[in-house]
């Protein structure tokens, strides 16, 4: 359910007014509706710890490169960085199981590894350790193959802006290049203001949940041709129509969605109406709807094995 659809439902229930398009939303009349919807989404997200925030991102290592822009926007789970070993030559069948990379607090060791020319060749191999510093992910050993890393993390943004891949402009959209052509790089909010859909430093999710899912960190934006340039190269080819999302902390544009499965989006419609119907006889009805929807959302999440943060012993000294 998109931002426009949610506002249409809220306005219809509260005022009995049918909204046909984004341009019909008069900000002087409906600004509070949009505000309460965003407030409900934010409060729900922040009020339930990490229950809704578990996400998976993948990245491909570059041979000889030890530092990478963070491939996700959030907080890595404990033991949440997994590496897929390379299948030995001549071996067929299932690939080796993923292995956990150890976290190291010794950032100096990683910097020495990067800056010492004599160490670079001898320190190449399958990474076994990592550290994070200044929004950089650092690996040791230095990758000697294009290993695939899986990152298990808690995302910190509760809204998504959505777009699609478009017909390539120049050499974009293909593996080994660092550019992606998108349907638009700017959009209009409910106030009629043109805003950037993407910003430099944003982490873009391309075709999430598919076999060619990958992330890209925006390094430059061509607003004329709607081309995003990334810090690293694309791992896969991407076709017109594939989904692109970027996380943010407000529903801003018509096609924005809450950063939760679609079946739970009505939760925030109920919550916004509960706030807006103060003094109305229907307020208690939507309070009950909202509370029931929240209970279902929390219950569904808790039924997964790793729904909540856990305490683990990571070292024991006697």
Protein backbone atom coordinates (compact mmCIF):
# COMPACT_ATOMS: atom_id res chain seq x y z
CA UNK A 1 0.00 0.00 0.00
CA UNK A 2 1.53 3.30 -1.11
CA UNK A 3 1.54 6.65 0.65
CA UNK A 4 -1.14 8.03 -1.67
CA UNK A 5 -3.40 5.02 -1.10
CA UNK A 6 -3.03 5.31 2.66
CA UNK A 7 -3.87 9.03 2.62
CA UNK A 8 -6.87 8.35 0.39
CA UNK A 9 -8.27 5.90 2.95
CA UNK A 10 -7.60 8.21 5.89
CA UNK A 11 -9.20 11.24 4.21
CA UNK A 12 -12.23 9.21 3.10
CA UNK A 13 -12.91 7.91 6.62
CA UNK A 14 -12.18 11.19 8.41
CA UNK A 15 -13.80 13.70 6.01
CA UNK A 16 -15.82 11.59 3.59
CA UNK A 17 -13.84 13.12 0.73
CA UNK A 18 -12.75 11.07 -2.26
CA UNK A 19 -9.20 11.83 -3.40
CA UNK A 20 -8.50 10.74 -6.96
CA UNK A 21 -4.87 11.74 -7.44
CA UNK A 22 -1.78 13.05 -5.68
CA UNK A 23 -2.44 16.58 -6.96
CA UNK A 24 -5.88 16.56 -5.25
CA UNK A 25 -4.28 16.47 -1.80
CA UNK A 26 -4.44 20.08 -0.63
CA UNK A 27 -1.66 20.50 1.96
CA UNK A 28 -3.52 23.27 3.78
CA UNK A 29 -6.36 20.81 4.41
CA UNK A 30 -4.52 17.52 4.76
CA UNK A 31 -1.10 18.37 6.19
CA UNK A 32 -2.12 17.04 9.62
CA UNK A 33 -3.32 13.79 8.05
CA UNK A 34 0.09 13.22 6.47
CA UNK A 35 1.85 14.23 9.70
CA UNK A 36 -0.13 11.82 11.87
CA UNK A 37 0.44 8.98 9.42
CA UNK A 38 4.20 9.54 9.56
CA UNK A 39 4.12 9.95 13.35
CA UNK A 40 2.26 6.66 13.73
CA UNK A 41 4.76 4.84 11.53
CA UNK A 42 7.72 6.33 13.39
CA UNK A 43 6.32 5.66 16.87
CA UNK A 44 5.39 2.07 15.98
CA UNK A 45 8.84 1.41 14.53
CA UNK A 46 10.80 2.95 17.39
CA UNK A 47 8.51 1.58 20.08
CA UNK A 48 9.13 -2.10 19.34
CA UNK A 49 12.90 -2.42 19.40
CA UNK A 50 14.29 -4.55 16.58
CA UNK A 51 11.23 -6.68 15.91
CA UNK A 52 10.46 -5.19 12.49
CA UNK A 53 13.92 -4.25 11.39
CA UNK A 54 15.71 -7.45 10.44
CA UNK A 55 17.06 -7.30 6.91
CA UNK A 56 19.56 -9.08 4.65
CA UNK A 57 21.97 -7.43 2.20
CA UNK A 58 24.66 -8.97 0.02
CA UNK A 59 27.82 -7.63 -1.56
CA UNK A 60 30.56 -9.05 -3.76
CA UNK A 61 34.19 -8.61 -2.76
CA UNK A 62 36.68 -7.09 -5.19
CA UNK A 63 39.98 -8.92 -5.59
CA UNK A 64 42.74 -6.97 -3.85
CA UNK A 65 40.35 -4.50 -2.13
CA UNK A 66 40.07 -4.59 1.66
CA UNK A 67 37.77 -1.59 2.40
CA UNK A 68 34.18 -1.11 1.21
CA UNK A 69 31.46 1.43 1.68
CA UNK A 70 28.93 -0.01 4.10
CA UNK A 71 26.56 -2.20 2.02
CA UNK A 72 23.58 -1.52 4.30
CA UNK A 73 22.07 1.29 6.32
CA UNK A 74 21.74 0.09 9.87
CA UNK A 75 23.36 -1.98 12.61
CA UNK A 76 25.00 -5.34 11.92
CA UNK A 77 23.70 -8.20 14.04
CA UNK A 78 26.10 -10.10 16.23
CA UNK A 79 27.79 -12.78 14.08
CA UNK A 80 25.91 -11.21 11.18
CA UNK A 81 28.59 -11.17 8.47
CA UNK A 82 28.77 -14.42 6.49
CA UNK A 83 31.13 -15.31 3.63
CA UNK A 84 30.46 -17.82 0.86
CA UNK A 85 33.72 -19.72 0.15
CA UNK A 86 34.69 -20.35 -3.46
CA UNK A 87 33.90 -23.83 -4.75
CA UNK A 88 37.23 -25.64 -5.39
CA UNK A 89 38.06 -26.26 -9.03
CA UNK A 90 36.76 -29.57 -10.33
CA UNK A 91 34.29 -29.99 -7.46
CA UNK A 92 30.60 -30.15 -8.33
CA UNK A 93 27.47 -30.25 -6.20
CA UNK A 94 26.34 -27.93 -3.46
CA UNK A 95 28.69 -25.01 -2.64
CA UNK A 96 30.54 -25.00 0.69
CA UNK A 97 28.47 -23.65 3.61
CA UNK A 98 28.80 -20.00 4.52
CA UNK A 99 31.23 -19.15 7.31
CA UNK A 100 31.00 -16.42 9.94
CA UNK A 101 33.60 -13.67 9.89
CA UNK A 102 35.04 -12.71 13.27
CA UNK A 103 34.67 -9.12 14.45
CA UNK A 104 37.92 -7.40 15.44
CA UNK A 105 38.16 -4.18 17.46
CA UNK A 106 41.78 -3.74 16.34
CA UNK A 107 41.24 -1.16 13.57
CA UNK A 108 44.95 -0.30 13.60
CA UNK A 109 45.77 -3.79 12.34
CA UNK A 110 43.44 -3.26 9.39
CA UNK A 111 44.93 0.15 8.57
CA UNK A 112 48.44 -1.30 8.69
CA UNK A 113 47.31 -4.04 6.35
CA UNK A 114 46.01 -1.45 3.86
CA UNK A 115 48.90 0.96 3.98
CA UNK A 116 51.88 -1.39 3.91
CA UNK A 117 52.72 -2.13 0.25
CA UNK A 118 54.82 -5.15 1.12
CA UNK A 119 51.92 -6.83 2.91
CA UNK A 120 49.27 -6.59 0.21
CA UNK A 121 50.31 -9.65 -1.82
CA UNK A 122 51.03 -11.95 1.10
CA UNK A 123 47.86 -10.96 2.95
CA UNK A 124 45.49 -11.98 0.19
CA UNK A 125 43.20 -14.93 0.75
CA UNK A 126 39.77 -15.79 2.08
CA UNK A 127 38.77 -13.11 4.64
CA UNK A 128 38.24 -14.36 8.17
CA UNK A 129 37.99 -11.07 10.11
CA UNK A 130 36.30 -7.72 9.71
CA UNK A 131 36.04 -4.37 11.43
CA UNK A 132 33.97 -1.23 10.84
CA UNK A 133 35.35 2.28 10.99
CA UNK A 134 34.11 5.63 9.63
CA UNK A 135 31.25 3.94 7.73
CA UNK A 136 33.70 1.56 6.05
CA UNK A 137 33.66 -2.23 6.19
CA UNK A 138 37.25 -3.58 6.31
CA UNK A 139 38.25 -7.17 5.62
CA UNK A 140 41.28 -9.23 6.57
CA UNK A 141 42.63 -11.15 4.68
CA UNK A 142 42.40 -9.04 1.54
CA UNK A 143 40.04 -10.91 -0.82
CA UNK A 144 41.76 -12.99 -3.49
CA UNK A 145 38.44 -13.95 -5.13
CA UNK A 146 35.04 -12.29 -5.67
CA UNK A 147 33.58 -13.72 -2.47
CA UNK A 148 29.91 -13.01 -1.75
CA UNK A 149 29.22 -11.54 1.69
CA UNK A 150 25.81 -11.78 3.35
CA UNK A 151 25.05 -9.08 5.92
CA UNK A 152 22.36 -9.67 8.55
CA UNK A 153 21.41 -6.32 10.06
CA UNK A 154 18.78 -4.14 11.71
CA UNK A 155 17.75 -1.31 9.40
CA UNK A 156 17.11 2.10 10.96
CA UNK A 157 14.70 3.71 8.48
CA UNK A 158 10.95 3.10 8.54
CA UNK A 159 9.95 4.30 5.06
CA UNK A 160 10.86 3.33 1.51
CA UNK A 161 10.91 5.36 -1.70
CA UNK A 162 10.38 3.15 -4.72
CA UNK A 163 11.46 3.36 -8.35
CA UNK A 164 12.32 1.12 -11.29
CA UNK A 165 15.23 0.44 -13.62
CA UNK A 166 14.79 2.03 -17.05
CA UNK A 167 16.28 1.43 -20.51
CA UNK A 168 20.02 1.87 -20.27
CA UNK A 169 21.59 5.25 -20.97
CA UNK A 170 25.11 4.79 -22.27
CA UNK A 171 26.85 1.90 -20.54
CA UNK A 172 24.55 1.70 -17.53
CA UNK A 173 22.68 -1.30 -16.09
CA UNK A 174 25.32 -3.94 -16.87
CA UNK A 175 27.71 -5.98 -14.75
CA UNK A 176 31.14 -4.42 -14.35
CA UNK A 177 29.86 -0.85 -14.82
CA UNK A 178 28.96 1.51 -11.99
CA UNK A 179 25.89 3.26 -13.46
CA UNK A 180 22.17 2.51 -13.31
CA UNK A 181 19.42 4.30 -15.25
CA UNK A 182 16.24 4.84 -13.20
CA UNK A 183 12.73 6.06 -13.94
CA UNK A 184 13.29 9.36 -12.09
CA UNK A 185 15.81 10.99 -9.79
CA UNK A 186 13.42 13.65 -8.42
CA UNK A 187 9.78 13.64 -7.37
CA UNK A 188 7.09 15.99 -6.02
CA UNK A 189 5.86 15.95 -2.40
CA UNK A 190 2.33 16.88 -1.28
CA UNK A 191 3.34 20.54 -1.08
CA UNK A 192 4.25 20.60 -4.76
CA UNK A 193 7.98 20.88 -4.00
CA UNK A 194 10.43 19.01 -6.23
CA UNK A 195 12.79 16.98 -4.06
CA UNK A 196 15.63 14.59 -4.77
CA UNK A 197 14.52 10.98 -4.68
CA UNK A 198 18.14 9.89 -4.20
CA UNK A 199 21.07 11.66 -2.56
CA UNK A 200 24.82 11.08 -2.64
CA UNK A 201 25.69 8.52 0.01
CA UNK A 202 22.32 6.75 -0.16
CA UNK A 203 22.36 2.96 -0.24
CA UNK A 204 20.18 1.71 -3.10
CA UNK A 205 18.58 -1.74 -3.09
CA UNK A 206 18.22 -3.18 -6.59
CA UNK A 207 15.68 -5.96 -7.23
CA UNK A 208 15.45 -6.90 -3.56
CA UNK A 209 14.64 -10.55 -2.89
CA UNK A 210 15.59 -11.77 -6.37
CA UNK A 211 18.54 -13.82 -7.63
CA UNK A 212 20.27 -10.66 -8.88
CA UNK A 213 19.62 -8.52 -5.80
CA UNK A 214 22.44 -6.15 -4.93
CA UNK A 215 23.13 -2.83 -3.27
CA UNK A 216 24.87 0.29 -4.50
CA UNK A 217 26.21 3.35 -2.70
CA UNK A 218 25.39 6.51 -4.68
CA UNK A 219 28.50 8.48 -5.67
CA UNK A 220 27.00 10.88 -8.26
CA UNK A 221 23.62 11.64 -9.84
CA UNK A 222 22.84 12.71 -13.41
CA UNK A 223 19.47 14.44 -13.01
CA UNK A 224 19.13 15.10 -16.76
CA UNK A 225 19.41 11.47 -17.86
CA UNK A 226 18.27 9.92 -14.55
CA UNK A 227 21.46 7.94 -14.03
CA UNK A 228 22.86 6.92 -10.64
CA UNK A 229 26.62 6.35 -10.35
CA UNK A 230 27.79 4.02 -7.59
CA UNK A 231 31.01 3.78 -5.62
CA UNK A 232 31.53 0.20 -6.84
CA UNK A 233 30.59 -1.67 -9.99
CA UNK A 234 27.39 -3.64 -10.51
CA UNK A 235 27.64 -7.38 -9.99
CA UNK A 236 24.66 -8.26 -12.20
CA UNK A 237 22.93 -7.08 -15.38
CA UNK A 238 19.64 -5.30 -14.66
CA UNK A 239 16.60 -5.08 -16.93
CA UNK A 240 14.03 -2.35 -17.37
CA UNK A 241 11.25 -2.64 -14.82
CA UNK A 242 13.29 -4.10 -11.96
CA UNK A 243 12.50 -2.55 -8.58
CA UNK A 244 14.73 -0.03 -6.83
CA UNK A 245 14.24 1.16 -3.26
CA UNK A 246 15.96 3.60 -0.93
CA UNK A 247 15.25 3.79 2.79
CA UNK A 248 14.28 7.06 4.46
CA UNK A 249 12.62 8.28 7.65
CA UNK A 250 9.43 9.81 6.27
CA UNK A 251 6.78 8.93 3.72
CA UNK A 252 7.36 11.80 1.28
CA UNK A 253 6.28 10.88 -2.24
CA UNK A 254 3.09 9.30 -3.62
CA UNK A 255 4.68 5.88 -4.24
CA UNK A 256 6.50 5.67 -0.89
CA UNK A 257 5.65 2.70 1.34
CA UNK A 258 6.26 1.72 4.98
CA UNK A 259 9.37 -0.42 5.39
CA UNK A 260 7.29 -3.44 6.38
CA UNK A 261 5.44 -6.23 4.55
CA UNK A 262 2.38 -4.93 2.71
CA UNK A 263 -0.08 -6.95 4.77
CA UNK A 264 0.76 -4.74 7.77
CA UNK A 265 0.36 -1.34 6.07
CA UNK A 266 -3.24 -0.92 7.24
CA UNK A 267 -1.83 -0.82 10.77
CA UNK A 268 -0.65 2.74 10.19
CA UNK A 269 -3.92 3.83 8.58
CA UNK A 270 -5.70 2.66 11.74
CA UNK A 271 -3.16 4.39 13.98
CA UNK A 272 -3.39 7.69 12.11
CA UNK A 273 -7.20 7.61 12.22
CA UNK A 274 -7.12 6.87 15.95
CA UNK A 275 -5.11 10.07 16.44
CA UNK A 276 -7.18 12.16 14.03
CA UNK A 277 -10.60 11.10 15.36
CA UNK A 278 -10.07 12.67 18.77
CA UNK A 279 -13.51 13.35 20.26
CA UNK A 280 -15.24 11.37 17.53
CA UNK A 281 -17.35 8.34 18.48
CA UNK A 282 -15.32 6.27 16.03
CA UNK A 283 -12.02 6.87 17.83
CA UNK A 284 -12.37 3.83 20.09
CA UNK A 285 -13.11 1.63 17.08
CA UNK A 286 -9.86 2.60 15.36
CA UNK A 287 -7.94 2.36 18.62
CA UNK A 288 -9.07 -1.26 18.82
CA UNK A 289 -8.21 -1.85 15.16
CA UNK A 290 -4.73 -0.38 15.66
CA UNK A 291 -3.99 -2.30 18.87
CA UNK A 292 -5.12 -5.58 17.32
CA UNK A 293 -3.03 -4.96 14.20
CA UNK A 294 0.04 -4.17 16.33
CA UNK A 295 -0.45 -7.32 18.39
CA UNK A 296 -0.65 -9.37 15.20
CA UNK A 297 2.45 -7.70 13.78
CA UNK A 298 4.47 -8.30 16.94
CA UNK A 299 3.16 -11.84 17.28
CA UNK A 300 4.01 -12.71 13.67
CA UNK A 301 7.52 -11.37 14.13
CA UNK A 302 8.13 -13.08 17.46
CA UNK A 303 7.15 -16.43 15.95
CA UNK A 304 10.41 -16.36 14.03
CA UNK A 305 13.40 -17.88 15.81
CA UNK A 306 15.55 -14.75 15.67
CA UNK A 307 12.86 -12.13 16.16
CA UNK A 308 14.40 -10.53 19.22
CA UNK A 309 17.82 -9.45 20.35
CA UNK A 310 19.54 -12.13 22.38
CA UNK A 311 22.29 -12.27 24.97
CA UNK A 312 25.11 -14.57 23.98
CA UNK A 313 28.36 -15.53 25.69
CA UNK A 314 31.12 -14.62 23.26
CA UNK A 315 34.13 -15.10 25.55
CA UNK A 316 34.69 -16.73 28.91
CA UNK A 317 37.79 -16.40 31.05
CA UNK A 318 38.56 -18.44 34.14
